[in-house]
Amino acid sequence: EGVAETGVKQLSNGRVRFKWRSSLPTNLDYPTPVGYRVNFDPEALTGK
């Protein structure tokens, strides 16, 4: 894809969550699909 832009979901605890998918090159003959999810606290600047 070369880019990842996605919507942000505001959570009730002040955190935000967003997801995206990327097809990454591997040693296989085809790109491997990977789904990413971030749960981020903008106040503490921490997350997963």
All heavy atoms as atom14 arrays in JSON, in Angstrom:
{
  "sequence": "EGVAETGVKQLSNGRVRFKWRSSLPTNLDYPTPVGYRVNFDPEALTGK",
  "atom14_mask": [
    [1, 1, 1, 1, 1, 1, 1, 1, 1, 0, 0, 0, 0, 0],
    [1, 1, 1, 1, 0, 0, 0, 0, 0, 0, 0, 0, 0, 0],
    [1, 1, 1, 1, 1, 1, 1, 0, 0, 0, 0, 0, 0, 0],
    [1, 1, 1, 1, 1, 0, 0, 0, 0, 0, 0, 0, 0, 0],
    [1, 1, 1, 1, 1, 1, 1, 1, 1, 0, 0, 0, 0, 0],
    [1, 1, 1, 1, 1, 1, 1, 0, 0, 0, 0, 0, 0, 0],
    [1, 1, 1, 1, 0, 0, 0, 0, 0, 0, 0, 0, 0, 0],
    [1, 1, 1, 1, 1, 1, 1, 0, 0, 0, 0, 0, 0, 0],
    [1, 1, 1, 1, 1, 1, 1, 1, 1, 0, 0, 0, 0, 0],
    [1, 1, 1, 1, 1, 1, 1, 1, 1, 0, 0, 0, 0, 0],
    [1, 1, 1, 1, 1, 1, 1, 1, 0, 0, 0, 0, 0, 0],
    [1, 1, 1, 1, 1, 1, 0, 0, 0, 0, 0, 0, 0, 0],
    [1, 1, 1, 1, 1, 1, 1, 1, 0, 0, 0, 0, 0, 0],
    [1, 1, 1, 1, 0, 0, 0, 0, 0, 0, 0, 0, 0, 0],
    [1, 1, 1, 1, 1, 1, 1, 1, 1, 1, 1, 0, 0, 0],
    [1, 1, 1, 1, 1, 1, 1, 0, 0, 0, 0, 0, 0, 0],
    [1, 1, 1, 1, 1, 1, 1, 1, 1, 1, 1, 0, 0, 0],
    [1, 1, 1, 1, 1, 1, 1, 1, 1, 1, 1, 0, 0, 0],
    [1, 1, 1, 1, 1, 1, 1, 1, 1, 0, 0, 0, 0, 0],
    [1, 1, 1, 1, 1, 1, 1, 1, 1, 1, 1, 1, 1, 1],
    [1, 1, 1, 1, 1, 1, 1, 1, 1, 1, 1, 0, 0, 0],
    [1, 1, 1, 1, 1, 1, 0, 0, 0, 0, 0, 0, 0, 0],
    [1, 1, 1, 1, 1, 1, 0, 0, 0, 0, 0, 0, 0, 0],
    [1, 1, 1, 1, 1, 1, 1, 1, 0, 0, 0, 0, 0, 0],
    [1, 1, 1, 1, 1, 1, 1, 0, 0, 0, 0, 0, 0, 0],
    [1, 1, 1, 1, 1, 1, 1, 0, 0, 0, 0, 0, 0, 0],
    [1, 1, 1, 1, 1, 1, 1, 1, 0, 0, 0, 0, 0, 0],
    [1, 1, 1, 1, 1, 1, 1, 1, 0, 0, 0, 0, 0, 0],
    [1, 1, 1, 1, 1, 1, 1, 1, 0, 0, 0, 0, 0, 0],
    [1, 1, 1, 1, 1, 1, 1, 1, 1, 1, 1, 1, 0, 0],
    [1, 1, 1, 1, 1, 1, 1, 0, 0, 0, 0, 0, 0, 0],
    [1, 1, 1, 1, 1, 1, 1, 0, 0, 0, 0, 0, 0, 0],
    [1, 1, 1, 1, 1, 1, 1, 0, 0, 0, 0, 0, 0, 0],
    [1, 1, 1, 1, 1, 1, 1, 0, 0, 0, 0, 0, 0, 0],
    [1, 1, 1, 1, 0, 0, 0, 0, 0, 0, 0, 0, 0, 0],
    [1, 1, 1, 1, 1, 1, 1, 1, 1, 1, 1, 1, 0, 0],
    [1, 1, 1, 1, 1, 1, 1, 1, 1, 1, 1, 0, 0, 0],
    [1, 1, 1, 1, 1, 1, 1, 0, 0, 0, 0, 0, 0, 0],
    [1, 1, 1, 1, 1, 1, 1, 1, 0, 0, 0, 0, 0, 0],
    [1, 1, 1, 1, 1, 1, 1, 1, 1, 1, 1, 0, 0, 0],
    [1, 1, 1, 1, 1, 1, 1, 1, 0, 0, 0, 0, 0, 0],
    [1, 1, 1, 1, 1, 1, 1, 0, 0, 0, 0, 0, 0, 0],
    [1, 1, 1, 1, 1, 1, 1, 1, 1, 0, 0, 0, 0, 0],
    [1, 1, 1, 1, 1, 0, 0, 0, 0, 0, 0, 0, 0, 0],
    [1, 1, 1, 1, 1, 1, 1, 1, 0, 0, 0, 0, 0, 0],
    [1, 1, 1, 1, 1, 1, 1, 0, 0, 0, 0, 0, 0, 0],
    [1, 1, 1, 1, 0, 0, 0, 0, 0, 0, 0, 0, 0, 0],
    [1, 1, 1, 1, 1, 1, 1, 1, 1, 0, 0, 0, 0, 0]
  ],
  "atom14_positions": [
    [[0.82, -1.22, 0.0], [0.0, 0.0, 0.0], [0.86, 1.26, 0.0], [0.47, 2.27, -0.57], [-0.94, 0.02, 1.21], [-1.92, -1.12, 1.25], [-1.33, -2.41, 1.8], [-0.17, -2.42, 2.28], [-2.03, -3.43, 1.72], [0.0, 0.0, 0.0], [0.0, 0.0, 0.0], [0.0, 0.0, 0.0], [0.0, 0.0, 0.0], [0.0, 0.0, 0.0]],
    [[1.98, 1.24, 0.7], [2.88, 2.38, 0.76], [2.48, 3.49, 1.71], [3.3, 4.31, 2.07], [0.0, 0.0, 0.0], [0.0, 0.0, 0.0], [0.0, 0.0, 0.0], [0.0, 0.0, 0.0], [0.0, 0.0, 0.0], [0.0, 0.0, 0.0], [0.0, 0.0, 0.0], [0.0, 0.0, 0.0], [0.0, 0.0, 0.0], [0.0, 0.0, 0.0]],
    [[1.22, 3.54, 2.1], [0.72, 4.55, 3.05], [-0.28, 3.89, 3.98], [-0.86, 2.87, 3.66], [0.04, 5.75, 2.35], [1.02, 6.52, 1.49], [-1.14, 5.3, 1.53], [0.0, 0.0, 0.0], [0.0, 0.0, 0.0], [0.0, 0.0, 0.0], [0.0, 0.0, 0.0], [0.0, 0.0, 0.0], [0.0, 0.0, 0.0], [0.0, 0.0, 0.0]],
    [[-0.47, 4.52, 5.14], [-1.5, 4.05, 6.08], [-2.15, 5.28, 6.69], [-1.52, 6.02, 7.46], [-0.9, 3.16, 7.16], [0.0, 0.0, 0.0], [0.0, 0.0, 0.0], [0.0, 0.0, 0.0], [0.0, 0.0, 0.0], [0.0, 0.0, 0.0], [0.0, 0.0, 0.0], [0.0, 0.0, 0.0], [0.0, 0.0, 0.0], [0.0, 0.0, 0.0]],
    [[-3.4, 5.52, 6.32], [-4.19, 6.6, 6.91], [-5.53, 6.0, 7.28], [-6.15, 5.3, 6.49], [-4.36, 7.75, 5.93], [-5.0, 8.95, 6.61], [-4.87, 10.23, 5.78], [-4.01, 10.31, 4.9], [-5.64, 11.15, 6.06], [0.0, 0.0, 0.0], [0.0, 0.0, 0.0], [0.0, 0.0, 0.0], [0.0, 0.0, 0.0], [0.0, 0.0, 0.0]],
    [[-5.97, 6.28, 8.5], [-7.18, 5.63, 9.0], [-7.92, 6.54, 9.98], [-7.37, 7.54, 10.44], [-6.81, 4.29, 9.68], [-7.98, 3.58, 10.02], [-5.96, 4.5, 10.92], [0.0, 0.0, 0.0], [0.0, 0.0, 0.0], [0.0, 0.0, 0.0], [0.0, 0.0, 0.0], [0.0, 0.0, 0.0], [0.0, 0.0, 0.0], [0.0, 0.0, 0.0]],
    [[-9.14, 6.16, 10.28], [-9.95, 6.91, 11.23], [-9.52, 6.62, 12.67], [-8.96, 5.58, 12.97], [0.0, 0.0, 0.0], [0.0, 0.0, 0.0], [0.0, 0.0, 0.0], [0.0, 0.0, 0.0], [0.0, 0.0, 0.0], [0.0, 0.0, 0.0], [0.0, 0.0, 0.0], [0.0, 0.0, 0.0], [0.0, 0.0, 0.0], [0.0, 0.0, 0.0]],
    [[-9.82, 7.58, 13.55], [-9.48, 7.47, 14.96], [-10.78, 7.36, 15.75], [-11.7, 8.14, 15.55], [-8.68, 8.7, 15.44], [-8.42, 8.64, 16.94], [-7.38, 8.82, 14.67], [0.0, 0.0, 0.0], [0.0, 0.0, 0.0], [0.0, 0.0, 0.0], [0.0, 0.0, 0.0], [0.0, 0.0, 0.0], [0.0, 0.0, 0.0], [0.0, 0.0, 0.0]],
    [[-10.83, 6.39, 16.65], [-11.99, 6.22, 17.52], [-11.65, 6.79, 18.9], [-10.65, 6.41, 19.51], [-12.35, 4.74, 17.63], [-13.57, 4.5, 18.48], [-13.93, 3.02, 18.52], [-15.18, 2.82, 19.35], [-15.56, 1.41, 19.39], [0.0, 0.0, 0.0], [0.0, 0.0, 0.0], [0.0, 0.0, 0.0], [0.0, 0.0, 0.0], [0.0, 0.0, 0.0]],
    [[-12.49, 7.72, 19.36], [-12.3, 8.31, 20.69], [-12.95, 7.37, 21.72], [-14.13, 7.05, 21.6], [-12.98, 9.68, 20.76], [-12.48, 10.67, 19.73], [-11.13, 11.27, 20.08], [-10.74, 11.31, 21.23], [-10.43, 11.74, 19.07], [0.0, 0.0, 0.0], [0.0, 0.0, 0.0], [0.0, 0.0, 0.0], [0.0, 0.0, 0.0], [0.0, 0.0, 0.0]],
    [[-12.21, 6.94, 22.72], [-12.73, 6.06, 23.76], [-13.17, 6.88, 24.96], [-12.7, 7.99, 25.19], [-11.67, 5.03, 24.15], [-11.11, 4.18, 23.0], [-10.02, 3.25, 23.51], [-12.22, 3.39, 22.34], [0.0, 0.0, 0.0], [0.0, 0.0, 0.0], [0.0, 0.0, 0.0], [0.0, 0.0, 0.0], [0.0, 0.0, 0.0], [0.0, 0.0, 0.0]],
    [[-14.05, 6.31, 25.76], [-14.62, 7.04, 26.91], [-13.58, 7.36, 27.98], [-13.75, 8.29, 28.75], [-15.78, 6.26, 27.52], [-15.33, 5.0, 27.97], [0.0, 0.0, 0.0], [0.0, 0.0, 0.0], [0.0, 0.0, 0.0], [0.0, 0.0, 0.0], [0.0, 0.0, 0.0], [0.0, 0.0, 0.0], [0.0, 0.0, 0.0], [0.0, 0.0, 0.0]],
    [[-12.49, 6.6, 28.04], [-11.47, 6.83, 29.07], [-10.41, 7.85, 28.63], [-9.38, 8.01, 29.29], [-10.8, 5.5, 29.44], [-10.11, 4.84, 28.28], [-10.06, 5.37, 27.18], [-9.57, 3.65, 28.52], [0.0, 0.0, 0.0], [0.0, 0.0, 0.0], [0.0, 0.0, 0.0], [0.0, 0.0, 0.0], [0.0, 0.0, 0.0], [0.0, 0.0, 0.0]],
    [[-10.65, 8.55, 27.51], [-9.71, 9.56, 27.05], [-8.68, 9.03, 26.06], [-7.97, 9.8, 25.43], [0.0, 0.0, 0.0], [0.0, 0.0, 0.0], [0.0, 0.0, 0.0], [0.0, 0.0, 0.0], [0.0, 0.0, 0.0], [0.0, 0.0, 0.0], [0.0, 0.0, 0.0], [0.0, 0.0, 0.0], [0.0, 0.0, 0.0], [0.0, 0.0, 0.0]],
    [[-8.6, 7.74, 25.94], [-7.68, 7.14, 24.99], [-8.27, 7.18, 23.58], [-9.45, 7.44, 23.41], [-7.38, 5.68, 25.35], [-6.56, 5.53, 26.61], [-6.36, 4.05, 26.94], [-5.38, 3.88, 27.98], [-4.09, 3.58, 27.76], [-3.67, 3.38, 26.54], [-3.26, 3.45, 28.76], [0.0, 0.0, 0.0], [0.0, 0.0, 0.0], [0.0, 0.0, 0.0]],
    [[-7.43, 6.92, 22.6], [-7.88, 6.79, 21.22], [-7.42, 5.44, 20.68], [-6.43, 4.87, 21.16], [-7.35, 7.94, 20.32], [-7.9, 9.28, 20.77], [-5.84, 7.97, 20.27], [0.0, 0.0, 0.0], [0.0, 0.0, 0.0], [0.0, 0.0, 0.0], [0.0, 0.0, 0.0], [0.0, 0.0, 0.0], [0.0, 0.0, 0.0], [0.0, 0.0, 0.0]],
    [[-8.14, 4.94, 19.7], [-7.8, 3.66, 19.08], [-7.88, 3.81, 17.57], [-8.78, 4.47, 17.06], [-8.76, 2.56, 19.53], [-8.44, 1.21, 18.9], [-9.36, 0.12, 19.36], [-9.18, -0.08, 20.79], [-10.14, -0.46, 21.62], [-11.35, -0.68, 21.17], [-9.89, -0.64, 22.89], [0.0, 0.0, 0.0], [0.0, 0.0, 0.0], [0.0, 0.0, 0.0]],
    [[-6.94, 3.21, 16.89], [-6.99, 3.2, 15.43], [-6.36, 1.91, 14.91], [-5.55, 1.28, 15.59], [-6.32, 4.44, 14.82], [-4.94, 4.76, 15.32], [-3.82, 4.33, 14.64], [-4.77, 5.52, 16.48], [-2.54, 4.64, 15.1], [-3.51, 5.84, 16.94], [-2.39, 5.4, 16.25], [0.0, 0.0, 0.0], [0.0, 0.0, 0.0], [0.0, 0.0, 0.0]],
    [[-6.8, 1.52, 13.71], [-6.38, 0.26, 13.1], [-6.04, 0.5, 11.63], [-6.6, 1.38, 11.0], [-7.52, -0.76, 13.13], [-8.09, -1.05, 14.49], [-9.29, -1.98, 14.33], [-10.01, -2.2, 15.64], [-11.14, -3.09, 15.49], [0.0, 0.0, 0.0], [0.0, 0.0, 0.0], [0.0, 0.0, 0.0], [0.0, 0.0, 0.0], [0.0, 0.0, 0.0]],
    [[-5.14, -0.32, 11.11], [-4.84, -0.31, 9.69], [-4.29, -1.68, 9.29], [-3.91, -2.47, 10.13], [-3.88, 0.81, 9.32], [-2.45, 0.59, 9.73], [-1.44, 0.07, 8.97], [-1.87, 0.87, 11.01], [-0.27, 0.01, 9.68], [-0.51, 0.49, 10.94], [-2.35, 1.4, 12.21], [0.36, 0.63, 12.02], [-1.49, 1.52, 13.28], [-0.17, 1.16, 13.18]],
    [[-4.29, -1.94, 8.0], [-3.74, -3.17, 7.45], [-2.64, -2.84, 6.46], [-2.75, -1.88, 5.71], [-4.82, -3.99, 6.75], [-5.83, -4.57, 7.72], [-6.75, -5.57, 7.06], [-6.11, -6.81, 6.67], [-5.76, -7.8, 7.5], [-5.96, -7.67, 8.79], [-5.21, -8.89, 7.05], [0.0, 0.0, 0.0], [0.0, 0.0, 0.0], [0.0, 0.0, 0.0]],
    [[-1.61, -3.65, 6.49], [-0.51, -3.5, 5.53], [-0.18, -4.88, 4.97], [-0.24, -5.87, 5.68], [0.74, -2.93, 6.2], [0.54, -1.6, 6.58], [0.0, 0.0, 0.0], [0.0, 0.0, 0.0], [0.0, 0.0, 0.0], [0.0, 0.0, 0.0], [0.0, 0.0, 0.0], [0.0, 0.0, 0.0], [0.0, 0.0, 0.0], [0.0, 0.0, 0.0]],
    [[0.17, -4.91, 3.69], [0.64, -6.14, 3.04], [2.15, -6.04, 2.95], [2.69, -5.28, 2.14], [0.02, -6.28, 1.66], [-1.38, -6.34, 1.76], [0.0, 0.0, 0.0], [0.0, 0.0, 0.0], [0.0, 0.0, 0.0], [0.0, 0.0, 0.0], [0.0, 0.0, 0.0], [0.0, 0.0, 0.0], [0.0, 0.0, 0.0], [0.0, 0.0, 0.0]],
    [[2.84, -6.8, 3.83], [4.28, -6.64, 3.97], [5.05, -7.69, 3.19], [4.65, -8.85, 3.13], [4.66, -6.72, 5.45], [4.01, -5.66, 6.34], [4.39, -5.87, 7.78], [4.43, -4.27, 5.88], [0.0, 0.0, 0.0], [0.0, 0.0, 0.0], [0.0, 0.0, 0.0], [0.0, 0.0, 0.0], [0.0, 0.0, 0.0], [0.0, 0.0, 0.0]],
    [[6.2, -7.28, 2.61], [7.02, -8.25, 1.89], [7.69, -9.22, 2.87], [8.1, -8.83, 3.96], [8.06, -7.37, 1.18], [8.1, -6.1, 1.98], [6.75, -5.94, 2.59], [0.0, 0.0, 0.0], [0.0, 0.0, 0.0], [0.0, 0.0, 0.0], [0.0, 0.0, 0.0], [0.0, 0.0, 0.0], [0.0, 0.0, 0.0], [0.0, 0.0, 0.0]],
    [[7.75, -10.48, 2.5], [8.43, -11.5, 3.29], [9.2, -12.39, 2.33], [9.27, -12.13, 1.14], [7.42, -12.36, 4.09], [6.58, -13.05, 3.17], [6.59, -11.52, 5.03], [0.0, 0.0, 0.0], [0.0, 0.0, 0.0], [0.0, 0.0, 0.0], [0.0, 0.0, 0.0], [0.0, 0.0, 0.0], [0.0, 0.0, 0.0], [0.0, 0.0, 0.0]],
    [[9.75, -13.47, 2.85], [10.46, -14.4, 1.98], [9.49, -15.32, 1.22], [9.92, -16.17, 0.45], [11.47, -15.22, 2.77], [10.84, -16.01, 3.89], [9.64, -15.9, 4.13], [11.63, -16.8, 4.57], [0.0, 0.0, 0.0], [0.0, 0.0, 0.0], [0.0, 0.0, 0.0], [0.0, 0.0, 0.0], [0.0, 0.0, 0.0], [0.0, 0.0, 0.0]],
    [[8.2, -15.15, 1.42], [7.2, -15.87, 0.64], [7.07, -15.21, -0.72], [7.58, -14.12, -0.95], [5.85, -15.87, 1.38], [5.87, -16.42, 2.81], [4.53, -16.21, 3.47], [6.23, -17.89, 2.8], [0.0, 0.0, 0.0], [0.0, 0.0, 0.0], [0.0, 0.0, 0.0], [0.0, 0.0, 0.0], [0.0, 0.0, 0.0], [0.0, 0.0, 0.0]],
    [[6.35, -15.82, -1.61], [6.2, -15.26, -2.96], [5.11, -14.21, -3.05], [4.81, -13.72, -4.14], [5.9, -16.38, -3.97], [7.11, -17.27, -4.2], [8.25, -16.81, -3.95], [6.92, -18.41, -4.63], [0.0, 0.0, 0.0], [0.0, 0.0, 0.0], [0.0, 0.0, 0.0], [0.0, 0.0, 0.0], [0.0, 0.0, 0.0], [0.0, 0.0, 0.0]],
    [[4.48, -13.89, -1.95], [3.38, -12.93, -1.95], [3.45, -12.09, -0.67], [4.0, -12.54, 0.33], [2.03, -13.65, -2.04], [1.82, -14.67, -0.95], [1.25, -14.32, 0.26], [2.22, -15.98, -1.12], [1.08, -15.24, 1.27], [2.05, -16.92, -0.11], [1.48, -16.55, 1.08], [1.31, -17.47, 2.09], [0.0, 0.0, 0.0], [0.0, 0.0, 0.0]],
    [[2.9, -10.88, -0.71], [2.9, -10.03, 0.49], [2.05, -10.65, 1.61], [1.0, -11.23, 1.35], [2.28, -8.72, 0.01], [2.4, -8.74, -1.47], [2.37, -10.19, -1.87], [0.0, 0.0, 0.0], [0.0, 0.0, 0.0], [0.0, 0.0, 0.0], [0.0, 0.0, 0.0], [0.0, 0.0, 0.0], [0.0, 0.0, 0.0], [0.0, 0.0, 0.0]],
    [[2.52, -10.53, 2.83], [1.82, -11.08, 4.0], [0.94, -10.01, 4.62], [1.44, -8.95, 5.0], [2.83, -11.59, 5.03], [3.62, -12.61, 4.42], [2.15, -12.14, 6.26], [0.0, 0.0, 0.0], [0.0, 0.0, 0.0], [0.0, 0.0, 0.0], [0.0, 0.0, 0.0], [0.0, 0.0, 0.0], [0.0, 0.0, 0.0], [0.0, 0.0, 0.0]],
    [[-0.38, -10.26, 4.73], [-1.27, -9.27, 5.35], [-1.07, -9.22, 6.87], [-1.03, -10.25, 7.52], [-2.67, -9.76, 5.0], [-2.52, -11.18, 4.6], [-1.1, -11.42, 4.22], [0.0, 0.0, 0.0], [0.0, 0.0, 0.0], [0.0, 0.0, 0.0], [0.0, 0.0, 0.0], [0.0, 0.0, 0.0], [0.0, 0.0, 0.0], [0.0, 0.0, 0.0]],
    [[-0.93, -8.0, 7.37], [-0.76, -7.77, 8.81], [-1.75, -6.69, 9.23], [-1.8, -5.63, 8.63], [0.68, -7.33, 9.16], [0.84, -7.14, 10.66], [1.7, -8.34, 8.63], [0.0, 0.0, 0.0], [0.0, 0.0, 0.0], [0.0, 0.0, 0.0], [0.0, 0.0, 0.0], [0.0, 0.0, 0.0], [0.0, 0.0, 0.0], [0.0, 0.0, 0.0]],
    [[-2.53, -6.98, 10.26], [-3.44, -6.0, 10.83], [-2.82, -5.38, 12.07], [-2.3, -6.1, 12.93], [0.0, 0.0, 0.0], [0.0, 0.0, 0.0], [0.0, 0.0, 0.0], [0.0, 0.0, 0.0], [0.0, 0.0, 0.0], [0.0, 0.0, 0.0], [0.0, 0.0, 0.0], [0.0, 0.0, 0.0], [0.0, 0.0, 0.0], [0.0, 0.0, 0.0]],
    [[-2.85, -4.07, 12.16], [-2.29, -3.36, 13.31], [-3.4, -2.64, 14.06], [-4.35, -2.14, 13.46], [-1.25, -2.32, 12.85], [0.02, -2.94, 12.35], [0.19, -3.18, 11.0], [1.02, -3.3, 13.23], [1.36, -3.77, 10.53], [2.19, -3.88, 12.77], [2.34, -4.11, 11.42], [3.49, -4.69, 10.97], [0.0, 0.0, 0.0], [0.0, 0.0, 0.0]],
    [[-3.25, -2.59, 15.39], [-4.19, -1.85, 16.22], [-3.38, -1.12, 17.29], [-2.5, -1.7, 17.92], [-5.17, -2.79, 16.9], [-6.2, -2.05, 17.74], [-7.17, -2.99, 18.39], [-6.49, -3.59, 19.54], [-6.96, -4.61, 20.22], [-8.07, -5.19, 19.87], [-6.3, -5.08, 21.25], [0.0, 0.0, 0.0], [0.0, 0.0, 0.0], [0.0, 0.0, 0.0]],
    [[-3.7, 0.16, 17.46], [-3.02, 0.98, 18.47], [-4.05, 1.52, 19.44], [-5.09, 2.04, 19.04], [-2.24, 2.15, 17.82], [-1.75, 3.12, 18.87], [-1.09, 1.62, 16.99], [0.0, 0.0, 0.0], [0.0, 0.0, 0.0], [0.0, 0.0, 0.0], [0.0, 0.0, 0.0], [0.0, 0.0, 0.0], [0.0, 0.0, 0.0], [0.0, 0.0, 0.0]],
    [[-3.77, 1.37, 20.73], [-4.56, 1.97, 21.8], [-3.62, 2.97, 22.47], [-2.59, 2.57, 23.03], [-5.0, 0.87, 22.78], [-6.03, 1.36, 23.76], [-6.01, 2.52, 24.16], [-6.92, 0.49, 24.16], [0.0, 0.0, 0.0], [0.0, 0.0, 0.0], [0.0, 0.0, 0.0], [0.0, 0.0, 0.0], [0.0, 0.0, 0.0], [0.0, 0.0, 0.0]],
    [[-3.94, 4.26, 22.37], [-3.0, 5.33, 22.73], [-3.62, 6.31, 23.71], [-4.77, 6.71, 23.55], [-2.6, 6.05, 21.43], [-1.72, 7.25, 21.62], [-0.45, 7.12, 22.16], [-2.15, 8.5, 21.22], [0.36, 8.24, 22.33], [-1.35, 9.62, 21.38], [-0.1, 9.48, 21.92], [0.0, 0.0, 0.0], [0.0, 0.0, 0.0], [0.0, 0.0, 0.0]],
    [[-2.86, 6.68, 24.73], [-3.27, 7.69, 25.71], [-2.55, 8.99, 25.38], [-1.35, 9.12, 25.63], [-2.91, 7.22, 27.12], [-3.38, 8.18, 28.2], [-3.63, 9.37, 27.9], [-3.48, 7.74, 29.36], [0.0, 0.0, 0.0], [0.0, 0.0, 0.0], [0.0, 0.0, 0.0], [0.0, 0.0, 0.0], [0.0, 0.0, 0.0], [0.0, 0.0, 0.0]],
    [[-3.26, 9.98, 24.8], [-2.6, 11.23, 24.4], [-2.08, 12.06, 25.56], [-1.16, 12.87, 25.39], [-3.67, 12.0, 23.63], [-4.89, 11.17, 23.62], [-4.66, 9.95, 24.42], [0.0, 0.0, 0.0], [0.0, 0.0, 0.0], [0.0, 0.0, 0.0], [0.0, 0.0, 0.0], [0.0, 0.0, 0.0], [0.0, 0.0, 0.0], [0.0, 0.0, 0.0]],
    [[-2.64, 11.89, 26.75], [-2.18, 12.65, 27.92], [-0.86, 12.08, 28.45], [0.09, 12.81, 28.7], [-3.23, 12.63, 29.03], [-4.5, 13.39, 28.68], [-4.25, 14.89, 28.51], [-3.49, 15.47, 29.32], [-4.82, 15.47, 27.57], [0.0, 0.0, 0.0], [0.0, 0.0, 0.0], [0.0, 0.0, 0.0], [0.0, 0.0, 0.0], [0.0, 0.0, 0.0]],
    [[-0.8, 10.77, 28.64], [0.38, 10.12, 29.19], [1.44, 9.81, 28.13], [2.57, 9.49, 28.46], [-0.02, 8.82, 29.89], [0.0, 0.0, 0.0], [0.0, 0.0, 0.0], [0.0, 0.0, 0.0], [0.0, 0.0, 0.0], [0.0, 0.0, 0.0], [0.0, 0.0, 0.0], [0.0, 0.0, 0.0], [0.0, 0.0, 0.0], [0.0, 0.0, 0.0]],
    [[1.05, 9.92, 26.84], [1.92, 9.59, 25.71], [2.44, 8.15, 25.81], [3.62, 7.87, 25.6], [3.08, 10.58, 25.6], [2.7, 12.03, 25.29], [3.93, 12.91, 25.28], [1.96, 12.13, 23.97], [0.0, 0.0, 0.0], [0.0, 0.0, 0.0], [0.0, 0.0, 0.0], [0.0, 0.0, 0.0], [0.0, 0.0, 0.0], [0.0, 0.0, 0.0]],
    [[1.54, 7.24, 26.15], [1.86, 5.82, 26.21], [0.76, 5.04, 25.5], [-0.31, 5.57, 25.23], [1.96, 5.32, 27.67], [0.71, 5.56, 28.32], [3.07, 6.01, 28.43], [0.0, 0.0, 0.0], [0.0, 0.0, 0.0], [0.0, 0.0, 0.0], [0.0, 0.0, 0.0], [0.0, 0.0, 0.0], [0.0, 0.0, 0.0], [0.0, 0.0, 0.0]],
    [[1.03, 3.79, 25.25], [0.01, 2.96, 24.63], [0.54, 1.6, 24.27], [1.62, 1.2, 24.69], [0.0, 0.0, 0.0], [0.0, 0.0, 0.0], [0.0, 0.0, 0.0], [0.0, 0.0, 0.0], [0.0, 0.0, 0.0], [0.0, 0.0, 0.0], [0.0, 0.0, 0.0], [0.0, 0.0, 0.0], [0.0, 0.0, 0.0], [0.0, 0.0, 0.0]],
    [[-0.25, 0.88, 23.48], [0.11, -0.46, 23.01], [-0.15, -0.55, 21.52], [-1.14, -0.05, 21.03], [-0.71, -1.52, 23.71], [-0.23, -1.91, 25.08], [-0.76, -3.3, 25.42], [-0.24, -3.79, 26.73], [1.16, -4.18, 26.69], [0.0, 0.0, 0.0], [0.0, 0.0, 0.0], [0.0, 0.0, 0.0], [0.0, 0.0, 0.0], [0.0, 0.0, 0.0]]
  ]
}
